[in-house]
Structure formats: C-alpha cells, structure tokens
Amino acid sequence: GSIGSEICRQVLKRSPRQLILMERSENNLFHTHRRLSELWRVGEVIPLLCDVTDEARVTYEFERFRPHLVLHAAAHKHVPLQELNAAECFMNNVGGIRTLTRAADRCNVERFLLISTDKAVNPTSVMGATKRACEIYCQAFARVSGTMFLSVRFGNVLASEGSVIPIFLE
C-alpha cells in the first residue's frame, strides 16, 4: 500500500543489505518492487507474494530470510468497507498480527514495529477495534518474547490510497 511502500523508500535510504517485501496483492507487489528496484541497486529487493495470515508460509519465509527488523503496515483500512466485512477485517488485521508476531518470536527478530492508526484510540469502528487489538497483542507478546515489539499510530496520511485528497481529485 501507500504507507508500506513509502516506509520501504525510507528504509532504502539506510542502505540495508536486503529489503523483503511481503504483499498479497500481485499488482501492488509488482509495481512496488519495480519502483524500489529502480531506486536502489546496491542490495536486494525481494518480492514475496504472501498473505500475512498464512502462518506456515510466513514462518517459512522468516526462517529462510531471518529478518532483523519487521515493519508491519498490512491491514484492511477503509472504515465503511470494514463495517460491512467485519469478519474479513478481523481475520486479516488480527490474524495477520498473530501470525507475524509468532513468526518474529520463533525466528528471533530483533525488532518488530506495528504501524497502527489513530482510529485505535477509543475505537468506534470495526477497523479501529481490530487495530487496537493488534496493539494490545503486540504489548502482550513483548512481555514474553526476546523480540522488541513496538507500535506507532499514524493519523490520516495525506494522499495515501483511499484518503480524501485522491478522492477529491478524482
């Protein structure tokens, strides 16, 4: 998505040896991988077509690549759509954090950062409630794991996919 791909651009400025992209949308992964590979030719940008709720696959990839840092921005985020699809929102957002935190712990990832939302503050929507659950899950896992689990909340991100500016421009 727009937030995850921007985070990747910022990470590339730090010259990592590898940047591993994990995305379940083939088109998003293709375009993000292509753009990032054009920006950065020093190390490897590795595209993994993978759903974060697929525990066996996520664990396999974590064991294979042994990441030091995981930046988790994957989530269903469009509030009205998630109200109509609450079970899918829960399965993706909360199921994804469960899968990723367990894999990070098993593979001794140093740091794990959850990108959350301001909508997790006293949530009034399904999406906000699932993101708050993700934050709580990370806090709880941090107490029993060698991995440092952190969360950060973003407010509305200007010009991100589905935000008000692109909708107004359209």
N, C-alpha and C. Protein backbone atom coordinates (compact mmCIF):
# COMPACT_ATOMS: atom_id res chain seq x y z
N GLY A 1 0.81 -1.20 0.00
CA GLY A 1 0.00 0.00 0.00
C GLY A 1 0.85 1.25 0.00
N SER A 2 0.21 2.37 0.09
CA SER A 2 0.93 3.64 0.01
C SER A 2 1.83 3.86 1.23
N ILE A 3 1.37 3.51 2.42
CA ILE A 3 2.19 3.70 3.62
C ILE A 3 3.36 2.72 3.62
N GLY A 4 3.08 1.45 3.33
CA GLY A 4 4.15 0.45 3.30
C GLY A 4 5.21 0.77 2.27
N SER A 5 4.79 1.21 1.08
CA SER A 5 5.79 1.50 0.04
C SER A 5 6.62 2.73 0.40
N GLU A 6 6.01 3.72 1.05
CA GLU A 6 6.79 4.89 1.49
C GLU A 6 7.78 4.50 2.58
N ILE A 7 7.36 3.65 3.49
CA ILE A 7 8.28 3.16 4.53
C ILE A 7 9.46 2.45 3.86
N CYS A 8 9.18 1.66 2.84
CA CYS A 8 10.25 0.96 2.11
C CYS A 8 11.22 1.96 1.48
N ARG A 9 10.70 3.02 0.90
CA ARG A 9 11.58 4.04 0.30
C ARG A 9 12.48 4.66 1.37
N GLN A 10 11.93 4.90 2.55
CA GLN A 10 12.72 5.47 3.64
C GLN A 10 13.76 4.47 4.14
N VAL A 11 13.40 3.21 4.22
CA VAL A 11 14.34 2.16 4.65
C VAL A 11 15.52 2.08 3.68
N LEU A 12 15.26 2.20 2.38
CA LEU A 12 16.33 2.11 1.39
C LEU A 12 17.39 3.20 1.59
N LYS A 13 17.00 4.33 2.14
CA LYS A 13 17.96 5.41 2.42
C LYS A 13 18.99 4.99 3.46
N ARG A 14 18.67 3.95 4.23
CA ARG A 14 19.58 3.43 5.26
C ARG A 14 20.50 2.34 4.73
N SER A 15 20.39 2.01 3.44
CA SER A 15 21.23 1.02 2.75
C SER A 15 21.24 -0.36 3.40
N PRO A 16 20.07 -0.98 3.54
CA PRO A 16 20.07 -2.35 4.08
C PRO A 16 20.64 -3.32 3.05
N ARG A 17 21.11 -4.45 3.52
CA ARG A 17 21.62 -5.48 2.63
C ARG A 17 20.49 -6.06 1.78
N GLN A 18 19.34 -6.24 2.42
CA GLN A 18 18.15 -6.76 1.74
C GLN A 18 16.92 -6.03 2.24
N LEU A 19 15.97 -5.88 1.35
CA LEU A 19 14.65 -5.39 1.71
C LEU A 19 13.67 -6.42 1.19
N ILE A 20 12.92 -7.01 2.08
CA ILE A 20 11.97 -8.06 1.71
C ILE A 20 10.57 -7.48 1.76
N LEU A 21 9.89 -7.54 0.65
CA LEU A 21 8.52 -7.05 0.55
C LEU A 21 7.58 -8.24 0.67
N MET A 22 6.60 -8.14 1.55
CA MET A 22 5.61 -9.20 1.68
C MET A 22 4.24 -8.57 1.42
N GLU A 23 3.57 -9.05 0.40
CA GLU A 23 2.32 -8.44 -0.05
C GLU A 23 1.44 -9.51 -0.66
N ARG A 24 0.13 -9.43 -0.43
CA ARG A 24 -0.76 -10.43 -1.01
C ARG A 24 -1.38 -9.99 -2.33
N SER A 25 -1.27 -8.72 -2.66
CA SER A 25 -1.79 -8.22 -3.93
C SER A 25 -0.68 -8.27 -4.98
N GLU A 26 -0.88 -9.11 -5.98
CA GLU A 26 0.14 -9.27 -7.01
C GLU A 26 0.47 -7.95 -7.71
N ASN A 27 -0.55 -7.18 -8.07
CA ASN A 27 -0.30 -5.92 -8.77
C ASN A 27 0.45 -4.93 -7.88
N ASN A 28 0.04 -4.79 -6.63
CA ASN A 28 0.75 -3.88 -5.73
C ASN A 28 2.20 -4.31 -5.55
N LEU A 29 2.42 -5.61 -5.38
CA LEU A 29 3.77 -6.11 -5.21
C LEU A 29 4.61 -5.86 -6.45
N PHE A 30 4.05 -6.12 -7.62
CA PHE A 30 4.77 -5.91 -8.88
C PHE A 30 5.22 -4.46 -9.02
N HIS A 31 4.28 -3.53 -8.83
CA HIS A 31 4.60 -2.11 -9.02
C HIS A 31 5.55 -1.59 -7.95
N THR A 32 5.34 -1.98 -6.72
CA THR A 32 6.23 -1.52 -5.64
C THR A 32 7.63 -2.08 -5.84
N HIS A 33 7.74 -3.34 -6.17
CA HIS A 33 9.05 -3.96 -6.40
C HIS A 33 9.78 -3.26 -7.55
N ARG A 34 9.06 -3.01 -8.62
CA ARG A 34 9.66 -2.35 -9.79
C ARG A 34 10.18 -0.96 -9.42
N ARG A 35 9.36 -0.17 -8.74
CA ARG A 35 9.76 1.20 -8.36
C ARG A 35 10.95 1.19 -7.40
N LEU A 36 10.91 0.32 -6.41
CA LEU A 36 12.01 0.28 -5.44
C LEU A 36 13.30 -0.23 -6.07
N SER A 37 13.19 -1.19 -6.97
CA SER A 37 14.39 -1.71 -7.64
C SER A 37 15.04 -0.65 -8.52
N GLU A 38 14.24 0.23 -9.09
CA GLU A 38 14.79 1.35 -9.88
C GLU A 38 15.52 2.34 -8.99
N LEU A 39 15.04 2.54 -7.78
CA LEU A 39 15.64 3.50 -6.85
C LEU A 39 16.94 2.99 -6.24
N TRP A 40 17.05 1.68 -6.11
CA TRP A 40 18.12 1.12 -5.29
C TRP A 40 18.74 -0.09 -5.97
N ARG A 41 20.00 0.00 -6.25
CA ARG A 41 20.70 -1.08 -6.96
C ARG A 41 21.85 -1.68 -6.16
N VAL A 42 22.02 -1.22 -4.92
CA VAL A 42 23.15 -1.68 -4.10
C VAL A 42 22.87 -3.06 -3.51
N GLY A 43 21.71 -3.25 -2.94
CA GLY A 43 21.35 -4.52 -2.31
C GLY A 43 20.21 -5.17 -3.06
N GLU A 44 19.55 -6.08 -2.39
CA GLU A 44 18.46 -6.85 -3.00
C GLU A 44 17.10 -6.38 -2.50
N VAL A 45 16.16 -6.23 -3.41
CA VAL A 45 14.76 -6.04 -3.06
C VAL A 45 14.05 -7.33 -3.47
N ILE A 46 13.53 -8.05 -2.49
CA ILE A 46 12.97 -9.38 -2.73
C ILE A 46 11.44 -9.32 -2.58
N PRO A 47 10.71 -9.58 -3.66
CA PRO A 47 9.25 -9.55 -3.58
C PRO A 47 8.68 -10.93 -3.21
N LEU A 48 7.90 -10.99 -2.15
CA LEU A 48 7.26 -12.23 -1.75
C LEU A 48 5.75 -12.05 -1.84
N LEU A 49 5.13 -12.80 -2.72
CA LEU A 49 3.68 -12.79 -2.84
C LEU A 49 3.16 -13.70 -1.73
N CYS A 50 2.64 -13.10 -0.67
CA CYS A 50 2.32 -13.86 0.53
C CYS A 50 1.26 -13.14 1.34
N ASP A 51 0.34 -13.89 1.88
CA ASP A 51 -0.71 -13.36 2.74
C ASP A 51 -0.22 -13.47 4.19
N VAL A 52 -0.26 -12.37 4.95
CA VAL A 52 0.25 -12.38 6.32
C VAL A 52 -0.55 -13.27 7.26
N THR A 53 -1.71 -13.74 6.84
CA THR A 53 -2.48 -14.65 7.69
C THR A 53 -2.11 -16.11 7.47
N ASP A 54 -1.25 -16.39 6.50
CA ASP A 54 -0.82 -17.76 6.19
C ASP A 54 0.38 -18.10 7.08
N GLU A 55 0.10 -18.68 8.23
CA GLU A 55 1.13 -18.91 9.24
C GLU A 55 2.28 -19.79 8.75
N ALA A 56 1.97 -20.87 8.06
CA ALA A 56 3.04 -21.76 7.58
C ALA A 56 3.95 -21.02 6.60
N ARG A 57 3.38 -20.28 5.69
CA ARG A 57 4.20 -19.56 4.69
C ARG A 57 5.00 -18.44 5.32
N VAL A 58 4.38 -17.66 6.20
CA VAL A 58 5.10 -16.56 6.86
C VAL A 58 6.26 -17.11 7.67
N THR A 59 6.02 -18.18 8.43
CA THR A 59 7.09 -18.79 9.23
C THR A 59 8.21 -19.30 8.33
N TYR A 60 7.85 -19.94 7.23
CA TYR A 60 8.86 -20.42 6.27
C TYR A 60 9.74 -19.27 5.79
N GLU A 61 9.12 -18.17 5.39
CA GLU A 61 9.88 -17.04 4.85
C GLU A 61 10.73 -16.37 5.93
N PHE A 62 10.22 -16.28 7.15
CA PHE A 62 11.02 -15.71 8.24
C PHE A 62 12.22 -16.61 8.53
N GLU A 63 12.01 -17.92 8.52
CA GLU A 63 13.13 -18.84 8.75
C GLU A 63 14.14 -18.77 7.61
N ARG A 64 13.65 -18.59 6.40
CA ARG A 64 14.53 -18.52 5.23
C ARG A 64 15.36 -17.24 5.22
N PHE A 65 14.76 -16.10 5.52
CA PHE A 65 15.45 -14.82 5.38
C PHE A 65 15.99 -14.26 6.70
N ARG A 66 15.47 -14.71 7.83
CA ARG A 66 15.94 -14.26 9.14
C ARG A 66 16.03 -12.73 9.24
N PRO A 67 14.90 -12.03 9.11
CA PRO A 67 14.95 -10.57 9.17
C PRO A 67 15.35 -10.07 10.56
N HIS A 68 16.03 -8.93 10.58
CA HIS A 68 16.40 -8.28 11.85
C HIS A 68 15.28 -7.36 12.33
N LEU A 69 14.58 -6.78 11.36
CA LEU A 69 13.54 -5.80 11.64
C LEU A 69 12.33 -6.11 10.77
N VAL A 70 11.14 -6.09 11.37
CA VAL A 70 9.89 -6.27 10.64
C VAL A 70 9.07 -5.00 10.83
N LEU A 71 8.67 -4.40 9.73
CA LEU A 71 7.79 -3.23 9.73
C LEU A 71 6.46 -3.69 9.16
N HIS A 72 5.44 -3.73 10.00
CA HIS A 72 4.14 -4.32 9.61
C HIS A 72 3.11 -3.22 9.37
N ALA A 73 2.81 -2.98 8.09
CA ALA A 73 1.82 -1.96 7.73
C ALA A 73 0.61 -2.57 7.03
N ALA A 74 0.57 -3.88 6.89
CA ALA A 74 -0.53 -4.53 6.17
C ALA A 74 -1.80 -4.51 7.01
N ALA A 75 -2.88 -4.03 6.42
CA ALA A 75 -4.17 -4.03 7.13
C ALA A 75 -5.28 -3.63 6.18
N HIS A 76 -6.45 -4.12 6.47
CA HIS A 76 -7.63 -3.56 5.81
C HIS A 76 -7.93 -2.27 6.56
N LYS A 77 -8.11 -1.17 5.82
CA LYS A 77 -8.17 0.13 6.50
C LYS A 77 -9.37 1.00 6.16
N HIS A 78 -10.13 0.69 5.14
CA HIS A 78 -11.23 1.56 4.74
C HIS A 78 -12.44 1.30 5.64
N VAL A 79 -12.70 2.25 6.53
CA VAL A 79 -13.67 2.08 7.61
C VAL A 79 -15.04 1.62 7.14
N PRO A 80 -15.70 2.31 6.19
CA PRO A 80 -17.04 1.84 5.79
C PRO A 80 -17.04 0.43 5.21
N LEU A 81 -16.04 0.10 4.43
CA LEU A 81 -15.94 -1.23 3.84
C LEU A 81 -15.74 -2.29 4.91
N GLN A 82 -14.97 -1.96 5.94
CA GLN A 82 -14.70 -2.93 7.00
C GLN A 82 -15.93 -3.14 7.90
N GLU A 83 -16.77 -2.12 8.01
CA GLU A 83 -18.02 -2.28 8.76
C GLU A 83 -18.90 -3.33 8.08
N LEU A 84 -18.86 -3.38 6.76
CA LEU A 84 -19.66 -4.34 6.00
C LEU A 84 -19.01 -5.72 5.92
N ASN A 85 -17.73 -5.80 6.24
CA ASN A 85 -16.97 -7.04 6.12
C ASN A 85 -16.16 -7.29 7.40
N ALA A 86 -16.83 -7.23 8.52
CA ALA A 86 -16.17 -7.28 9.83
C ALA A 86 -15.35 -8.56 10.04
N ALA A 87 -15.86 -9.69 9.62
CA ALA A 87 -15.13 -10.96 9.84
C ALA A 87 -13.82 -10.96 9.06
N GLU A 88 -13.85 -10.50 7.81
CA GLU A 88 -12.63 -10.43 7.00
C GLU A 88 -11.65 -9.42 7.59
N CYS A 89 -12.16 -8.29 8.06
CA CYS A 89 -11.31 -7.28 8.69
C CYS A 89 -10.59 -7.88 9.90
N PHE A 90 -11.34 -8.58 10.75
CA PHE A 90 -10.75 -9.21 11.93
C PHE A 90 -9.73 -10.28 11.53
N MET A 91 -10.11 -11.12 10.58
CA MET A 91 -9.23 -12.21 10.15
C MET A 91 -7.91 -11.66 9.60
N ASN A 92 -7.99 -10.61 8.79
CA ASN A 92 -6.79 -10.05 8.19
C ASN A 92 -5.96 -9.25 9.21
N ASN A 93 -6.58 -8.34 9.90
CA ASN A 93 -5.83 -7.45 10.79
C ASN A 93 -5.33 -8.18 12.05
N VAL A 94 -6.22 -8.83 12.75
CA VAL A 94 -5.82 -9.52 13.99
C VAL A 94 -5.13 -10.85 13.67
N GLY A 95 -5.65 -11.58 12.69
CA GLY A 95 -4.99 -12.82 12.27
C GLY A 95 -3.58 -12.57 11.76
N GLY A 96 -3.41 -11.47 11.02
CA GLY A 96 -2.09 -11.12 10.50
C GLY A 96 -1.10 -10.81 11.60
N ILE A 97 -1.53 -10.05 12.61
CA ILE A 97 -0.60 -9.71 13.70
C ILE A 97 -0.24 -10.96 14.49
N ARG A 98 -1.19 -11.85 14.67
CA ARG A 98 -0.92 -13.10 15.39
C ARG A 98 0.15 -13.91 14.65
N THR A 99 -0.04 -14.08 13.36
CA THR A 99 0.91 -14.84 12.55
C THR A 99 2.30 -14.20 12.56
N LEU A 100 2.35 -12.91 12.32
CA LEU A 100 3.64 -12.23 12.22
C LEU A 100 4.39 -12.18 13.55
N THR A 101 3.69 -11.93 14.65
CA THR A 101 4.39 -11.87 15.94
C THR A 101 4.93 -13.23 16.34
N ARG A 102 4.16 -14.27 16.08
CA ARG A 102 4.63 -15.62 16.40
C ARG A 102 5.86 -15.99 15.57
N ALA A 103 5.83 -15.66 14.28
CA ALA A 103 6.99 -15.95 13.41
C ALA A 103 8.20 -15.12 13.84
N ALA A 104 7.98 -13.86 14.17
CA ALA A 104 9.08 -12.99 14.61
C ALA A 104 9.72 -13.54 15.89
N ASP A 105 8.90 -13.98 16.82
CA ASP A 105 9.41 -14.54 18.07
C ASP A 105 10.20 -15.82 17.79
N ARG A 106 9.63 -16.73 16.99
CA ARG A 106 10.29 -18.00 16.68
C ARG A 106 11.64 -17.80 16.00
N CYS A 107 11.74 -16.75 15.18
CA CYS A 107 12.96 -16.53 14.39
C CYS A 107 13.88 -15.48 14.99
N ASN A 108 13.61 -15.11 16.24
CA ASN A 108 14.47 -14.17 16.97
C ASN A 108 14.70 -12.85 16.24
N VAL A 109 13.63 -12.31 15.66
CA VAL A 109 13.70 -10.99 15.04
C VAL A 109 14.05 -9.99 16.15
N GLU A 110 14.96 -9.06 15.89
CA GLU A 110 15.36 -8.09 16.91
C GLU A 110 14.23 -7.14 17.28
N ARG A 111 13.63 -6.52 16.23
CA ARG A 111 12.58 -5.52 16.46
C ARG A 111 11.42 -5.73 15.49
N PHE A 112 10.24 -5.47 16.00
CA PHE A 112 9.01 -5.58 15.22
C PHE A 112 8.21 -4.31 15.47
N LEU A 113 7.89 -3.61 14.39
CA LEU A 113 7.12 -2.37 14.52
C LEU A 113 5.78 -2.50 13.81
N LEU A 114 4.72 -2.35 14.58
CA LEU A 114 3.35 -2.34 14.05
C LEU A 114 2.98 -0.90 13.71
N ILE A 115 2.56 -0.68 12.48
CA ILE A 115 2.02 0.62 12.08
C ILE A 115 0.52 0.54 12.36
N SER A 116 0.08 1.31 13.34
CA SER A 116 -1.33 1.31 13.72
C SER A 116 -1.97 2.62 13.25
N THR A 117 -3.09 2.96 13.83
CA THR A 117 -3.87 4.10 13.37
C THR A 117 -4.42 4.88 14.56
N ASP A 118 -4.67 6.17 14.33
CA ASP A 118 -5.30 6.98 15.36
C ASP A 118 -6.72 6.48 15.66
N LYS A 119 -7.29 5.70 14.76
CA LYS A 119 -8.64 5.16 14.96
C LYS A 119 -8.66 4.07 16.04
N ALA A 120 -7.48 3.66 16.52
CA ALA A 120 -7.40 2.67 17.60
C ALA A 120 -7.62 3.31 18.97
N VAL A 121 -7.64 4.64 19.03
CA VAL A 121 -7.89 5.35 20.28
C VAL A 121 -9.40 5.33 20.53
N ASN A 122 -9.83 4.70 21.61
CA ASN A 122 -11.27 4.58 21.89
C ASN A 122 -12.05 4.24 20.62
N PRO A 123 -11.79 3.08 20.04
CA PRO A 123 -12.33 2.75 18.72
C PRO A 123 -13.86 2.76 18.65
N THR A 124 -14.35 3.30 17.55
CA THR A 124 -15.80 3.34 17.29
C THR A 124 -16.15 2.57 16.03
N SER A 125 -15.16 1.93 15.43
CA SER A 125 -15.38 1.17 14.20
C SER A 125 -14.71 -0.19 14.32
N VAL A 126 -15.12 -1.09 13.45
CA VAL A 126 -14.50 -2.43 13.39
C VAL A 126 -13.01 -2.29 13.11
N MET A 127 -12.66 -1.45 12.13
CA MET A 127 -11.24 -1.30 11.78
C MET A 127 -10.45 -0.78 12.97
N GLY A 128 -10.95 0.26 13.64
CA GLY A 128 -10.26 0.81 14.80
C GLY A 128 -10.12 -0.23 15.91
N ALA A 129 -11.17 -1.01 16.13
CA ALA A 129 -11.13 -2.04 17.18
C ALA A 129 -10.11 -3.13 16.84
N THR A 130 -10.03 -3.51 15.57
CA THR A 130 -9.05 -4.55 15.21
C THR A 130 -7.62 -4.02 15.37
N LYS A 131 -7.41 -2.76 15.02
CA LYS A 131 -6.06 -2.20 15.16
C LYS A 131 -5.70 -2.04 16.64
N ARG A 132 -6.68 -1.70 17.48
CA ARG A 132 -6.41 -1.64 18.93
C ARG A 132 -6.08 -3.03 19.46
N ALA A 133 -6.79 -4.04 18.98
CA ALA A 133 -6.49 -5.41 19.38
C ALA A 133 -5.06 -5.78 18.97
N CYS A 134 -4.64 -5.33 17.80
CA CYS A 134 -3.27 -5.59 17.33
C CYS A 134 -2.24 -4.94 18.27
N GLU A 135 -2.51 -3.72 18.68
CA GLU A 135 -1.60 -3.03 19.61
C GLU A 135 -1.49 -3.79 20.92
N ILE A 136 -2.63 -4.21 21.45
CA ILE A 136 -2.65 -4.96 22.71
C ILE A 136 -1.90 -6.28 22.56
N TYR A 137 -2.11 -6.95 21.42
CA TYR A 137 -1.43 -8.22 21.15
C TYR A 137 0.08 -8.01 21.16
N CYS A 138 0.55 -6.95 20.49
CA CYS A 138 1.99 -6.66 20.47
C CYS A 138 2.52 -6.37 21.88
N GLN A 139 1.78 -5.59 22.66
CA GLN A 139 2.20 -5.28 24.02
C GLN A 139 2.31 -6.55 24.86
N ALA A 140 1.35 -7.43 24.72
CA ALA A 140 1.36 -8.67 25.49
C ALA A 140 2.51 -9.57 25.05
N PHE A 141 2.73 -9.67 23.75
CA PHE A 141 3.79 -10.54 23.24
C PHE A 141 5.17 -10.01 23.66
N ALA A 142 5.30 -8.69 23.76
CA ALA A 142 6.58 -8.10 24.16
C ALA A 142 7.00 -8.56 25.55
N ARG A 143 6.04 -8.90 26.38
CA ARG A 143 6.35 -9.33 27.76
C ARG A 143 6.95 -10.73 27.83
N VAL A 144 6.72 -11.54 26.79
CA VAL A 144 7.15 -12.93 26.85
C VAL A 144 8.16 -13.29 25.75
N SER A 145 8.59 -12.31 24.98
CA SER A 145 9.45 -12.58 23.83
C SER A 145 10.77 -11.84 23.95
N GLY A 146 11.79 -12.38 23.30
CA GLY A 146 13.07 -11.69 23.19
C GLY A 146 13.04 -10.60 22.12
N THR A 147 12.02 -10.62 21.28
CA THR A 147 11.84 -9.60 20.25
C THR A 147 11.26 -8.35 20.89
N MET A 148 11.75 -7.19 20.47
CA MET A 148 11.19 -5.92 20.93
C MET A 148 10.01 -5.58 20.03
N PHE A 149 8.81 -5.62 20.59
CA PHE A 149 7.60 -5.29 19.84
C PHE A 149 7.19 -3.86 20.15
N LEU A 150 7.01 -3.07 19.10
CA LEU A 150 6.66 -1.66 19.22
C LEU A 150 5.46 -1.36 18.34
N SER A 151 4.72 -0.32 18.71
CA SER A 151 3.60 0.14 17.89
C SER A 151 3.69 1.64 17.73
N VAL A 152 3.27 2.12 16.59
CA VAL A 152 3.18 3.55 16.35
C VAL A 152 1.84 3.81 15.68
N ARG A 153 1.21 4.92 16.02
CA ARG A 153 -0.07 5.27 15.42
C ARG A 153 0.13 6.39 14.41
N PHE A 154 -0.40 6.18 13.22
CA PHE A 154 -0.43 7.22 12.21
C PHE A 154 -1.85 7.78 12.17
N GLY A 155 -1.96 9.08 11.92
CA GLY A 155 -3.26 9.69 11.66
C GLY A 155 -3.54 9.54 10.18
N ASN A 156 -4.43 10.33 9.66
CA ASN A 156 -4.70 10.30 8.23
C ASN A 156 -3.44 10.70 7.49
N VAL A 157 -3.04 9.90 6.54
CA VAL A 157 -1.82 10.15 5.79
C VAL A 157 -2.20 10.83 4.49
N LEU A 158 -1.70 12.03 4.31
CA LEU A 158 -2.03 12.84 3.15
C LEU A 158 -1.73 12.10 1.85
N ALA A 159 -2.72 11.99 1.00
CA ALA A 159 -2.62 11.40 -0.34
C ALA A 159 -2.36 9.89 -0.34
N SER A 160 -2.60 9.20 0.79
CA SER A 160 -2.48 7.74 0.77
C SER A 160 -3.68 7.17 0.02
N GLU A 161 -3.55 5.91 -0.39
CA GLU A 161 -4.63 5.28 -1.15
C GLU A 161 -5.94 5.31 -0.36
N GLY A 162 -6.99 5.81 -0.99
CA GLY A 162 -8.30 5.85 -0.37
C GLY A 162 -8.50 7.04 0.56
N SER A 163 -7.48 7.88 0.73
CA SER A 163 -7.65 9.05 1.59
C SER A 163 -8.41 10.13 0.83
N VAL A 164 -8.75 11.18 1.54
CA VAL A 164 -9.65 12.18 0.99
C VAL A 164 -9.08 12.96 -0.20
N ILE A 165 -7.79 13.25 -0.24
CA ILE A 165 -7.22 14.05 -1.33
C ILE A 165 -7.38 13.35 -2.68
N PRO A 166 -6.94 12.08 -2.84
CA PRO A 166 -7.15 11.43 -4.14
C PRO A 166 -8.63 11.32 -4.51
N ILE A 167 -9.50 11.14 -3.53
CA ILE A 167 -10.94 11.05 -3.80
C ILE A 167 -11.44 12.39 -4.31
N PHE A 168 -11.05 13.49 -3.67
CA PHE A 168 -11.45 14.82 -4.11
C PHE A 168 -10.92 15.11 -5.52
N LEU A 169 -9.67 14.75 -5.78
CA LEU A 169 -9.08 14.99 -7.09
C LEU A 169 -9.80 14.20 -8.19
N GLU A 170 -10.24 13.00 -7.84
CA GLU A 170 -10.97 12.16 -8.78
C GLU A 170 -12.30 12.79 -9.14
